[in-house]
Amino acid sequence: VRKQEVGVKKQERGVKKQEAGVRKQEAGVKKQEVGGRGEEAGGKRPEAEGGAAGGRQQQAPPPFPPELLPPPEAAAPGPESALPSGCIVAERAVACPGNRLTAVPRMVDVDLRTLYLADNDISTVSSADFIGLPNLQWLDLSGNRIGEDGLESGAFRNLSRLRRLNLDGNRLRCVPRLPPSLQELRLNDNQLAAIQPRDFAGLSRLLTLDLEGNGLDDGNVPPSAFFPLKRLMYLRLGRNRFRALPAGIPWSIRELHLESNLIEEIPGQLLNKTSRLSLIVLRNNSLREDRISPQAWYHLRNLSLLDLSHNQLVHVPSFLPIGLQHLLLHHNRIQRVGGYTFAHLRPGLQFLHLSYNQLGDEGVHPRSFHGLGSSLHELLLDHNRLRSLPRGLLQLRALQMLKLNDNYISHVPMDSLCDTRIEEDSPLLFVHLENNRIERRLIPPAALSCIRSYSSVILQPQRNED
């Protein structure tokens, strides 16, 4: 016990010594504060500031010895260090458009996600070009000079995270080997002469495939070519040489673009499994209505837009998809819109474009627009051969845009645009009647009384006016 008491006394003496040391430090701090105030009063700025909590004093760290600092040229290289002037470096992206590059710049940057090298003179691409970019997700090499000889077989094999690859506007004659991570592939405006059965093998994640402006036709694209593309949603095959819809379209497809081909016929049953289709573009082909099967797309309940413009149609096709909302038929040879052609559509067309055809008065039936009374918003009938306002316009209660300009209409009779039996404003916002043969002073005031603003009706100029 006596030994423990002696030890406690020694500890107490040690604590007293520590307290005395703290009092000395506090006294020193007070002297510094007094000295600092004296210097401030004398107009001098103190070199150090004291007074951390608990009486501790913070001092500025000493400067790092200059002899141990690396020279400026030894700084760690960033992605811009290997790039020519004119390139743009942003967060996780490098862009060198139109810089006359002849090769892919060599870089080492694990954080780089986007590499944009469009519109250069690059003619060779190898796997070594991307070995330092393991996390690249978007690569744009469009508008270069890449051909078969300059593209290494496995040039993109190291890009295991690549999602978007743009090779538009090059000189490729076949589809290169591609990483399975791809979601978007663009090969427009190349020189593709054929699609081989296994060109897209392993690309089960691909969503968008663009093959426009090549030399593809019915004979060099086998039906099995698109079979591996289980998730494909957007397929663009415009500006090729197809004479019929290609077989083997994936069932997952949402949009099908086949404009500017040589297509003459739409057979039945071919699109039976593509129930998710919402858009078909077939403009600028050689289609006639008698070569479109009644079963071509009648069952496609999700199809909302059908573009058949710039073809050789004489009549508006029958058996249109039941859910159709946008129908583009301009620049054909259409002479007749049959009665009840649109009666089966649910909820009904919203846009009907019949401009630049050969429609005359006899070609528009009183029931031509039956079924569109509560749905049609836009009706374009300009640049036809109409001599009077079409019958049945009054039933279009939702119509907002009506174009009848550049016809041969000579008068605007009562009850053609406005029902004088009811006092109700029309939803019409724009009515184009210019470039006809209308005597404006002979238009009855009540003929346009339902239109809320007279500025919505365009009547000038007319053909018979100087």
Protein backbone atom coordinates (compact mmCIF):
# COMPACT_ATOMS: atom_id res chain seq x y z
CA VAL A 1 0.00 0.00 0.00
CA ARG A 2 2.84 2.38 0.94
CA LYS A 3 4.44 1.68 -2.46
CA GLN A 4 1.16 2.50 -4.26
CA GLU A 5 0.83 5.76 -2.27
CA VAL A 6 4.39 6.73 -3.25
CA GLY A 7 3.57 6.02 -6.92
CA VAL A 8 0.42 8.16 -6.75
CA LYS A 9 2.41 11.06 -5.26
CA LYS A 10 4.92 10.80 -8.08
CA GLN A 11 2.07 10.91 -10.68
CA GLU A 12 0.62 13.97 -8.95
CA ARG A 13 4.02 15.71 -9.08
CA GLY A 14 4.20 14.88 -12.85
CA VAL A 15 0.75 16.36 -13.47
CA LYS A 16 1.78 19.54 -11.64
CA LYS A 17 4.86 19.84 -13.84
CA GLN A 18 2.69 19.47 -17.00
CA GLU A 19 0.31 22.17 -15.72
CA ALA A 20 3.26 24.46 -15.10
CA GLY A 21 4.49 23.84 -18.65
CA VAL A 22 1.06 24.69 -20.08
CA ARG A 23 1.00 27.96 -18.09
CA LYS A 24 4.40 28.86 -19.54
CA GLN A 25 3.11 28.20 -23.11
CA GLU A 26 0.03 30.36 -22.45
CA ALA A 27 2.25 33.15 -21.17
CA GLY A 28 4.36 32.91 -24.34
CA VAL A 29 1.25 33.08 -26.51
CA LYS A 30 0.08 36.19 -24.67
CA LYS A 31 3.47 37.84 -25.27
CA GLN A 32 3.19 37.03 -29.00
CA GLU A 33 -0.32 38.50 -29.10
CA VAL A 34 0.90 41.66 -27.36
CA GLY A 35 3.83 41.88 -29.76
CA GLY A 36 1.52 41.31 -32.72
CA ARG A 37 -0.77 44.11 -31.63
CA GLY A 38 2.23 46.38 -31.24
CA GLU A 39 3.39 45.58 -34.78
CA GLU A 40 -0.11 46.18 -36.18
CA ALA A 41 -0.25 49.49 -34.36
CA GLY A 42 3.08 50.36 -35.95
CA GLY A 43 1.70 49.59 -39.42
CA LYS A 44 3.53 46.29 -39.85
CA ARG A 45 1.77 43.04 -40.89
CA PRO A 46 2.46 40.04 -38.62
CA GLU A 47 4.27 37.16 -40.28
CA ALA A 48 2.45 34.43 -38.35
CA GLU A 49 -0.95 34.10 -36.81
CA GLY A 50 -1.35 32.28 -33.49
CA GLY A 51 -4.23 31.06 -31.48
CA ALA A 52 -5.46 27.60 -32.26
CA ALA A 53 -7.96 26.10 -29.83
CA GLY A 54 -6.49 24.82 -26.59
CA GLY A 55 -3.53 27.24 -26.70
CA ARG A 56 -1.78 25.45 -29.61
CA GLN A 57 -0.06 27.63 -32.22
CA GLN A 58 -0.29 26.91 -36.00
CA GLN A 59 2.72 27.80 -38.09
CA ALA A 60 3.02 27.97 -41.91
CA PRO A 61 4.76 24.86 -43.28
CA PRO A 62 8.27 25.42 -44.57
CA PRO A 63 8.68 25.66 -48.37
CA PHE A 64 9.37 22.41 -50.21
CA PRO A 65 13.07 22.19 -51.17
CA PRO A 66 13.28 23.34 -54.83
CA GLU A 67 16.01 20.82 -55.59
CA LEU A 68 13.52 17.99 -54.92
CA LEU A 69 10.78 19.32 -57.26
CA PRO A 70 10.58 17.67 -60.74
CA PRO A 71 11.34 19.82 -63.77
CA PRO A 72 8.26 21.13 -65.66
CA GLU A 73 8.88 18.83 -68.65
CA ALA A 74 8.73 15.77 -66.41
CA ALA A 75 5.04 16.31 -65.52
CA ALA A 76 2.78 13.29 -65.90
CA PRO A 77 1.49 13.16 -69.52
CA GLY A 78 -2.24 13.68 -70.07
CA PRO A 79 -4.24 12.68 -73.15
CA GLU A 80 -3.50 16.03 -74.76
CA SER A 81 0.26 15.43 -74.74
CA ALA A 82 0.08 13.17 -77.81
CA LEU A 83 -2.41 15.30 -79.71
CA PRO A 84 -1.76 17.87 -82.42
CA SER A 85 -2.88 21.45 -82.05
CA GLY A 86 -6.54 22.02 -82.74
CA CYS A 87 -7.77 19.07 -80.71
CA ILE A 88 -10.25 19.68 -77.94
CA VAL A 89 -9.81 17.95 -74.59
CA ALA A 90 -12.78 17.86 -72.24
CA GLU A 91 -13.70 15.73 -69.28
CA ARG A 92 -13.38 12.11 -70.43
CA ALA A 93 -13.50 13.17 -74.09
CA VAL A 94 -11.06 14.06 -76.88
CA ALA A 95 -12.18 15.59 -80.20
CA CYS A 96 -9.97 16.21 -83.24
CA PRO A 97 -12.42 16.89 -86.11
CA GLY A 98 -10.99 17.96 -89.48
CA ASN A 99 -7.38 18.09 -88.32
CA ARG A 100 -5.93 16.22 -91.32
CA LEU A 101 -4.77 13.39 -89.10
CA THR A 102 -3.38 10.42 -91.00
CA ALA A 103 -3.33 8.03 -88.04
CA VAL A 104 -5.11 7.51 -84.73
CA PRO A 105 -3.20 9.45 -82.02
CA ARG A 106 -1.60 7.14 -79.45
CA MET A 107 -2.89 7.86 -75.95
CA VAL A 108 -2.90 6.24 -72.52
CA ASP A 109 -5.93 7.35 -70.54
CA VAL A 110 -8.03 4.87 -68.59
CA ASP A 111 -10.67 7.53 -67.94
CA LEU A 112 -11.30 8.45 -71.59
CA ARG A 113 -14.85 7.61 -72.71
CA THR A 114 -15.28 9.47 -76.03
CA LEU A 115 -12.85 9.77 -78.95
CA TYR A 116 -14.04 11.86 -81.91
CA LEU A 117 -11.79 11.72 -84.99
CA ALA A 118 -14.28 12.50 -87.78
CA ASP A 119 -13.36 14.13 -91.10
CA ASN A 120 -9.65 13.41 -91.14
CA ASP A 121 -7.36 11.48 -93.50
CA ILE A 122 -6.94 8.35 -91.38
CA SER A 123 -6.40 5.28 -93.56
CA THR A 124 -5.01 2.70 -91.12
CA VAL A 125 -6.46 1.44 -87.85
CA SER A 126 -4.94 -1.28 -85.65
CA SER A 127 -5.63 -2.75 -82.21
CA ALA A 128 -2.48 -1.04 -80.89
CA ASP A 129 -4.14 2.35 -81.47
CA PHE A 130 -6.55 1.75 -78.59
CA ILE A 131 -4.51 -0.38 -76.19
CA GLY A 132 -4.21 2.54 -73.77
CA LEU A 133 -7.96 3.30 -73.84
CA PRO A 134 -9.56 0.29 -72.14
CA ASN A 135 -12.71 2.14 -71.05
CA LEU A 136 -13.57 3.84 -74.35
CA GLN A 137 -17.34 3.83 -74.98
CA TRP A 138 -17.84 6.04 -78.04
CA LEU A 139 -15.54 6.05 -81.08
CA ASP A 140 -16.23 8.20 -84.15
CA LEU A 141 -14.05 7.57 -87.21
CA SER A 142 -16.54 8.82 -89.79
CA GLY A 143 -15.41 10.71 -92.89
CA ASN A 144 -11.95 9.17 -93.15
CA ARG A 145 -10.21 6.93 -95.70
CA ILE A 146 -10.36 3.59 -93.95
CA GLY A 147 -10.50 0.66 -96.36
CA GLU A 148 -9.99 -3.08 -96.19
CA ASP A 149 -6.21 -2.88 -96.49
CA GLY A 150 -5.86 -0.36 -93.69
CA LEU A 151 -8.18 -1.93 -91.14
CA GLU A 152 -6.60 -4.64 -89.02
CA SER A 153 -8.84 -7.69 -88.54
CA GLY A 154 -9.13 -7.25 -84.78
CA ALA A 155 -8.70 -3.51 -84.62
CA PHE A 156 -11.55 -3.06 -82.13
CA ARG A 157 -11.11 -6.29 -80.14
CA ASN A 158 -9.52 -4.58 -77.09
CA LEU A 159 -12.44 -2.15 -76.73
CA SER A 160 -14.49 -4.41 -74.50
CA ARG A 161 -16.67 -1.52 -73.27
CA LEU A 162 -17.31 0.17 -76.62
CA ARG A 163 -20.98 1.02 -77.09
CA ARG A 164 -21.10 3.34 -80.10
CA LEU A 165 -18.99 3.01 -83.24
CA ASN A 166 -19.36 5.37 -86.19
CA LEU A 167 -17.60 4.36 -89.42
CA ASP A 168 -19.78 6.37 -91.83
CA GLY A 169 -18.22 7.71 -95.00
CA ASN A 170 -15.21 5.41 -95.31
CA ARG A 171 -14.17 2.82 -97.92
CA LEU A 172 -15.10 -0.44 -96.22
CA ARG A 173 -16.24 -3.31 -98.44
CA CYS A 174 -17.17 -5.71 -95.64
CA VAL A 175 -18.29 -5.53 -92.02
CA PRO A 176 -15.28 -5.55 -89.63
CA ARG A 177 -14.99 -7.74 -86.56
CA LEU A 178 -16.78 -6.01 -83.72
CA PRO A 179 -16.84 -6.20 -79.91
CA PRO A 180 -19.99 -7.76 -78.40
CA SER A 181 -20.55 -4.71 -76.18
CA LEU A 182 -21.74 -2.57 -79.14
CA GLN A 183 -25.16 -0.93 -78.93
CA GLU A 184 -24.90 1.35 -81.99
CA LEU A 185 -23.12 0.64 -85.28
CA ARG A 186 -23.05 3.08 -88.19
CA LEU A 187 -21.68 1.98 -91.56
CA ASN A 188 -23.51 4.41 -93.85
CA ASP A 189 -21.94 5.54 -97.13
CA ASN A 190 -19.28 2.88 -97.44
CA GLN A 191 -18.78 0.35 -100.23
CA LEU A 192 -20.34 -2.72 -98.62
CA ALA A 193 -20.94 -5.27 -101.35
CA ALA A 194 -22.58 -7.92 -99.17
CA ILE A 195 -23.56 -8.93 -95.65
CA GLN A 196 -22.24 -12.34 -94.63
CA PRO A 197 -24.32 -14.67 -92.40
CA ARG A 198 -21.97 -14.25 -89.42
CA ASP A 199 -21.06 -10.58 -89.77
CA PHE A 200 -23.20 -9.66 -86.75
CA ALA A 201 -22.55 -12.80 -84.69
CA GLY A 202 -22.30 -12.04 -80.99
CA LEU A 203 -23.88 -8.58 -81.25
CA SER A 204 -26.88 -9.45 -79.11
CA ARG A 205 -26.79 -6.02 -77.42
CA LEU A 206 -26.97 -4.01 -80.64
CA LEU A 207 -29.90 -1.56 -80.69
CA THR A 208 -29.16 0.58 -83.77
CA LEU A 209 -27.76 -0.57 -87.13
CA ASP A 210 -27.21 1.91 -89.98
CA LEU A 211 -26.27 0.51 -93.42
CA GLU A 212 -27.50 3.30 -95.73
CA GLY A 213 -25.78 4.28 -98.95
CA ASN A 214 -24.04 1.00 -99.79
CA GLY A 215 -24.39 -1.60 -102.55
CA LEU A 216 -26.77 -3.93 -100.74
CA ASP A 217 -29.59 -5.74 -102.55
CA ASP A 218 -31.88 -8.76 -102.26
CA GLY A 219 -29.16 -11.14 -103.43
CA ASN A 220 -26.31 -10.20 -101.10
CA VAL A 221 -28.16 -9.92 -97.77
CA PRO A 222 -29.19 -13.41 -96.61
CA PRO A 223 -32.24 -13.76 -94.32
CA SER A 224 -30.00 -15.16 -91.56
CA ALA A 225 -27.80 -12.03 -91.46
CA PHE A 226 -29.94 -10.26 -88.86
CA PHE A 227 -30.71 -13.37 -86.79
CA PRO A 228 -28.12 -12.66 -84.00
CA LEU A 229 -29.56 -9.16 -83.42
CA LYS A 230 -32.06 -10.13 -80.73
CA ARG A 231 -32.51 -6.59 -79.36
CA LEU A 232 -32.28 -4.52 -82.54
CA MET A 233 -34.72 -1.60 -82.52
CA TYR A 234 -33.62 0.72 -85.35
CA LEU A 235 -32.62 -0.59 -88.78
CA ARG A 236 -31.70 1.81 -91.60
CA LEU A 237 -31.21 0.34 -95.08
CA GLY A 238 -31.97 3.42 -97.18
CA ARG A 239 -30.18 4.32 -100.42
CA ASN A 240 -29.38 0.74 -101.43
CA ARG A 241 -30.72 -1.48 -104.23
CA PHE A 242 -33.46 -3.56 -102.61
CA ARG A 243 -36.43 -4.46 -104.82
CA ALA A 244 -38.40 -6.00 -101.96
CA LEU A 245 -38.42 -5.85 -98.20
CA PRO A 246 -35.48 -7.88 -96.92
CA ALA A 247 -36.39 -11.11 -95.18
CA GLY A 248 -35.32 -11.92 -91.65
CA ILE A 249 -36.15 -8.56 -90.05
CA PRO A 250 -35.71 -9.05 -86.25
CA TRP A 251 -38.96 -9.31 -84.30
CA SER A 252 -37.70 -6.64 -81.85
CA ILE A 253 -37.52 -3.90 -84.52
CA ARG A 254 -39.27 -0.56 -83.81
CA GLU A 255 -38.23 1.55 -86.82
CA LEU A 256 -37.51 0.33 -90.35
CA HIS A 257 -36.03 2.76 -92.89
CA LEU A 258 -35.92 1.66 -96.56
CA GLU A 259 -36.13 4.97 -98.42
CA SER A 260 -34.51 5.51 -101.83
CA ASN A 261 -34.36 1.88 -102.92
CA LEU A 262 -36.02 0.14 -105.87
CA ILE A 263 -38.83 -1.53 -103.93
CA GLU A 264 -41.83 -2.44 -106.10
CA GLU A 265 -43.77 -4.83 -103.90
CA ILE A 266 -44.79 -5.37 -100.27
CA PRO A 267 -45.75 -9.04 -99.85
CA GLY A 268 -47.99 -10.33 -97.09
CA GLN A 269 -46.76 -12.28 -94.06
CA LEU A 270 -43.22 -10.83 -94.26
CA LEU A 271 -43.68 -8.50 -91.29
CA ASN A 272 -45.92 -10.85 -89.32
CA LYS A 273 -43.51 -11.22 -86.39
CA THR A 274 -42.54 -7.54 -86.15
CA SER A 275 -45.47 -6.58 -83.95
CA ARG A 276 -43.46 -3.81 -82.23
CA LEU A 277 -42.94 -1.77 -85.40
CA SER A 278 -43.98 1.85 -84.88
CA LEU A 279 -42.46 3.49 -88.00
CA ILE A 280 -41.87 2.39 -91.60
CA VAL A 281 -40.21 4.72 -94.13
CA LEU A 282 -40.58 3.65 -97.79
CA ARG A 283 -40.39 6.99 -99.55
CA ASN A 284 -38.74 7.34 -102.94
CA ASN A 285 -39.30 3.80 -104.19
CA SER A 286 -41.39 2.35 -107.04
CA LEU A 287 -44.46 1.20 -105.12
CA ARG A 288 -47.95 0.88 -106.62
CA GLU A 289 -51.02 0.18 -104.53
CA ASP A 290 -51.84 -3.01 -106.47
CA ARG A 291 -48.44 -4.45 -105.42
CA ILE A 292 -49.10 -3.94 -101.71
CA SER A 293 -50.64 -7.04 -100.16
CA PRO A 294 -53.76 -6.53 -97.95
CA GLN A 295 -51.85 -8.47 -95.28
CA ALA A 296 -48.69 -6.39 -95.62
CA TRP A 297 -49.13 -4.41 -92.39
CA TYR A 298 -52.79 -4.58 -91.41
CA HIS A 299 -51.90 -6.54 -88.25
CA LEU A 300 -49.26 -4.03 -87.05
CA ARG A 301 -51.27 -2.41 -84.30
CA ASN A 302 -48.34 -0.35 -83.00
CA LEU A 303 -47.47 1.17 -86.38
CA SER A 304 -48.14 4.91 -86.02
CA LEU A 305 -46.18 6.41 -88.95
CA LEU A 306 -46.10 5.18 -92.55
CA ASP A 307 -44.16 7.16 -95.16
CA LEU A 308 -45.11 6.21 -98.75
CA SER A 309 -44.24 9.55 -100.33
CA HIS A 310 -42.42 9.82 -103.66
CA ASN A 311 -43.77 6.57 -105.10
CA GLN A 312 -46.13 5.64 -107.95
CA LEU A 313 -49.41 5.31 -106.07
CA VAL A 314 -52.61 6.19 -107.95
CA HIS A 315 -55.05 5.50 -105.09
CA VAL A 316 -54.69 5.76 -101.34
CA PRO A 317 -53.85 2.20 -100.24
CA SER A 318 -56.53 0.22 -98.42
CA PHE A 319 -56.04 -2.04 -95.38
CA LEU A 320 -53.93 0.50 -93.53
CA PRO A 321 -52.62 -0.41 -90.04
CA ILE A 322 -55.35 0.09 -87.47
CA GLY A 323 -53.27 2.29 -85.14
CA LEU A 324 -51.87 4.58 -87.85
CA GLN A 325 -51.61 8.28 -86.91
CA HIS A 326 -49.27 9.77 -89.54
CA LEU A 327 -49.71 8.93 -93.23
CA LEU A 328 -47.37 10.60 -95.74
CA LEU A 329 -48.49 10.25 -99.38
CA HIS A 330 -47.18 13.43 -100.96
CA HIS A 331 -45.45 13.39 -104.36
CA ASN A 332 -47.34 10.43 -105.82
CA ARG A 333 -49.87 10.18 -108.65
CA ILE A 334 -52.92 9.83 -106.46
CA GLN A 335 -56.19 10.61 -108.21
CA ARG A 336 -58.70 9.23 -105.72
CA VAL A 337 -59.28 8.95 -101.97
CA GLY A 338 -61.91 6.24 -101.61
CA GLY A 339 -64.82 6.46 -99.23
CA TYR A 340 -64.36 4.90 -95.78
CA THR A 341 -60.64 4.31 -96.43
CA PHE A 342 -59.81 5.51 -92.91
CA ALA A 343 -62.98 4.41 -91.12
CA HIS A 344 -61.37 1.42 -89.36
CA LEU A 345 -58.47 3.38 -87.81
CA ARG A 346 -58.44 3.72 -84.02
CA PRO A 347 -58.14 6.32 -82.59
CA GLY A 348 -57.65 7.75 -86.10
CA LEU A 349 -55.19 9.66 -88.27
CA GLN A 350 -53.75 12.90 -86.94
CA PHE A 351 -51.70 13.91 -90.03
CA LEU A 352 -52.63 13.19 -93.64
CA HIS A 353 -50.26 14.57 -96.29
CA LEU A 354 -51.58 14.40 -99.87
CA SER A 355 -49.68 17.32 -101.39
CA TYR A 356 -48.28 17.19 -104.93
CA ASN A 357 -50.67 14.62 -106.37
CA GLN A 358 -53.32 14.59 -109.11
CA LEU A 359 -56.48 14.91 -107.02
CA GLY A 360 -59.46 16.52 -108.72
CA ASP A 361 -62.99 17.20 -107.46
CA GLU A 362 -64.19 13.78 -108.55
CA GLY A 363 -61.39 12.08 -106.67
CA VAL A 364 -62.54 13.21 -103.20
CA HIS A 365 -65.64 11.36 -102.00
CA PRO A 366 -68.03 12.90 -99.41
CA ARG A 367 -66.99 9.97 -97.17
CA SER A 368 -63.29 10.10 -98.01
CA PHE A 369 -62.43 11.43 -94.55
CA HIS A 370 -65.03 9.43 -92.66
CA GLY A 371 -63.72 8.28 -89.29
CA LEU A 372 -61.29 11.19 -88.89
CA GLY A 373 -63.74 13.69 -87.40
CA SER A 374 -62.25 13.79 -83.91
CA SER A 375 -58.63 12.92 -84.67
CA LEU A 376 -57.31 14.69 -87.80
CA HIS A 377 -55.20 17.76 -86.97
CA GLU A 378 -53.42 18.42 -90.26
CA LEU A 379 -54.68 17.91 -93.82
CA LEU A 380 -52.40 18.89 -96.71
CA LEU A 381 -54.03 18.98 -100.16
CA ASP A 382 -51.91 21.68 -101.79
CA HIS A 383 -50.51 21.36 -105.31
CA ASN A 384 -53.32 19.22 -106.69
CA ARG A 385 -56.05 19.79 -109.32
CA LEU A 386 -58.98 20.74 -107.12
CA ARG A 387 -61.46 23.27 -108.54
CA SER A 388 -63.60 23.56 -105.43
CA LEU A 389 -63.25 22.97 -101.71
CA PRO A 390 -63.40 19.22 -100.96
CA ARG A 391 -66.61 17.85 -99.54
CA GLY A 392 -66.60 16.55 -96.01
CA LEU A 393 -64.36 19.19 -94.43
CA LEU A 394 -67.06 20.23 -91.95
CA GLN A 395 -66.94 16.84 -90.27
CA LEU A 396 -63.27 17.33 -89.35
CA ARG A 397 -63.93 18.88 -85.95
CA ALA A 398 -60.30 18.69 -84.71
CA LEU A 399 -58.64 20.13 -87.83
CA GLN A 400 -56.06 22.83 -87.10
CA MET A 401 -54.08 23.05 -90.36
CA LEU A 402 -55.66 22.96 -93.83
CA LYS A 403 -53.55 23.54 -96.94
CA LEU A 404 -55.40 23.98 -100.24
CA ASN A 405 -53.02 26.40 -101.91
CA ASP A 406 -51.78 25.96 -105.49
CA ASN A 407 -54.95 24.37 -106.81
CA TYR A 408 -57.61 25.77 -109.17
CA ILE A 409 -60.28 26.66 -106.60
CA SER A 410 -62.48 29.53 -107.78
CA HIS A 411 -64.83 30.22 -104.86
CA VAL A 412 -65.41 29.65 -101.13
CA PRO A 413 -69.11 28.85 -100.69
CA MET A 414 -71.18 29.01 -97.51
CA ASP A 415 -71.01 25.96 -95.25
CA SER A 416 -67.80 24.68 -96.80
CA LEU A 417 -65.46 25.62 -93.94
CA CYS A 418 -67.89 27.01 -91.35
CA ASP A 419 -71.26 25.58 -90.34
CA THR A 420 -73.47 28.65 -90.22
CA ARG A 421 -76.17 26.74 -88.33
CA ILE A 422 -74.12 26.78 -85.12
CA GLU A 423 -72.33 29.60 -83.36
CA GLU A 424 -69.05 27.95 -82.52
CA ASP A 425 -65.45 28.81 -83.28
CA SER A 426 -63.50 26.44 -85.49
CA PRO A 427 -60.25 24.92 -84.19
CA LEU A 428 -58.62 25.93 -87.49
CA LEU A 429 -55.44 27.92 -86.90
CA PHE A 430 -54.10 28.03 -90.47
CA VAL A 431 -56.00 27.91 -93.76
CA HIS A 432 -53.94 28.26 -96.94
CA LEU A 433 -55.92 29.24 -100.04
CA GLU A 434 -53.31 31.28 -101.91
CA ASN A 435 -52.38 30.67 -105.55
CA ASN A 436 -55.86 29.63 -106.62
CA ARG A 437 -58.45 31.49 -108.73
CA ILE A 438 -60.57 32.90 -105.94
CA GLU A 439 -62.25 36.30 -106.29
CA ARG A 440 -61.63 37.49 -102.78
CA ARG A 441 -64.28 40.21 -102.86
CA LEU A 442 -66.94 37.61 -103.66
CA ILE A 443 -66.30 35.49 -100.55
CA PRO A 444 -69.41 35.69 -98.29
CA PRO A 445 -68.43 37.13 -94.88
CA ALA A 446 -70.14 34.25 -93.09
CA ALA A 447 -68.11 31.66 -95.04
CA LEU A 448 -65.12 32.27 -92.78
CA SER A 449 -66.91 33.58 -89.69
CA CYS A 450 -66.04 30.59 -87.49
CA ILE A 451 -62.29 31.15 -87.82
CA ARG A 452 -61.13 33.10 -84.79
CA SER A 453 -58.56 35.27 -86.57
CA TYR A 454 -58.76 36.50 -90.15
CA SER A 455 -54.97 36.48 -90.23
CA SER A 456 -55.20 32.69 -90.05
CA VAL A 457 -56.69 32.61 -93.56
CA ILE A 458 -54.07 33.22 -96.27
CA LEU A 459 -55.68 34.32 -99.54
CA GLN A 460 -52.94 36.29 -101.26
CA PRO A 461 -51.81 36.10 -103.95
CA GLN A 462 -54.24 34.52 -106.44
CA ARG A 463 -53.47 33.34 -109.96
CA ASN A 464 -55.83 35.85 -111.55
CA GLU A 465 -54.33 38.82 -109.75
CA ASP A 466 -51.67 41.04 -111.27
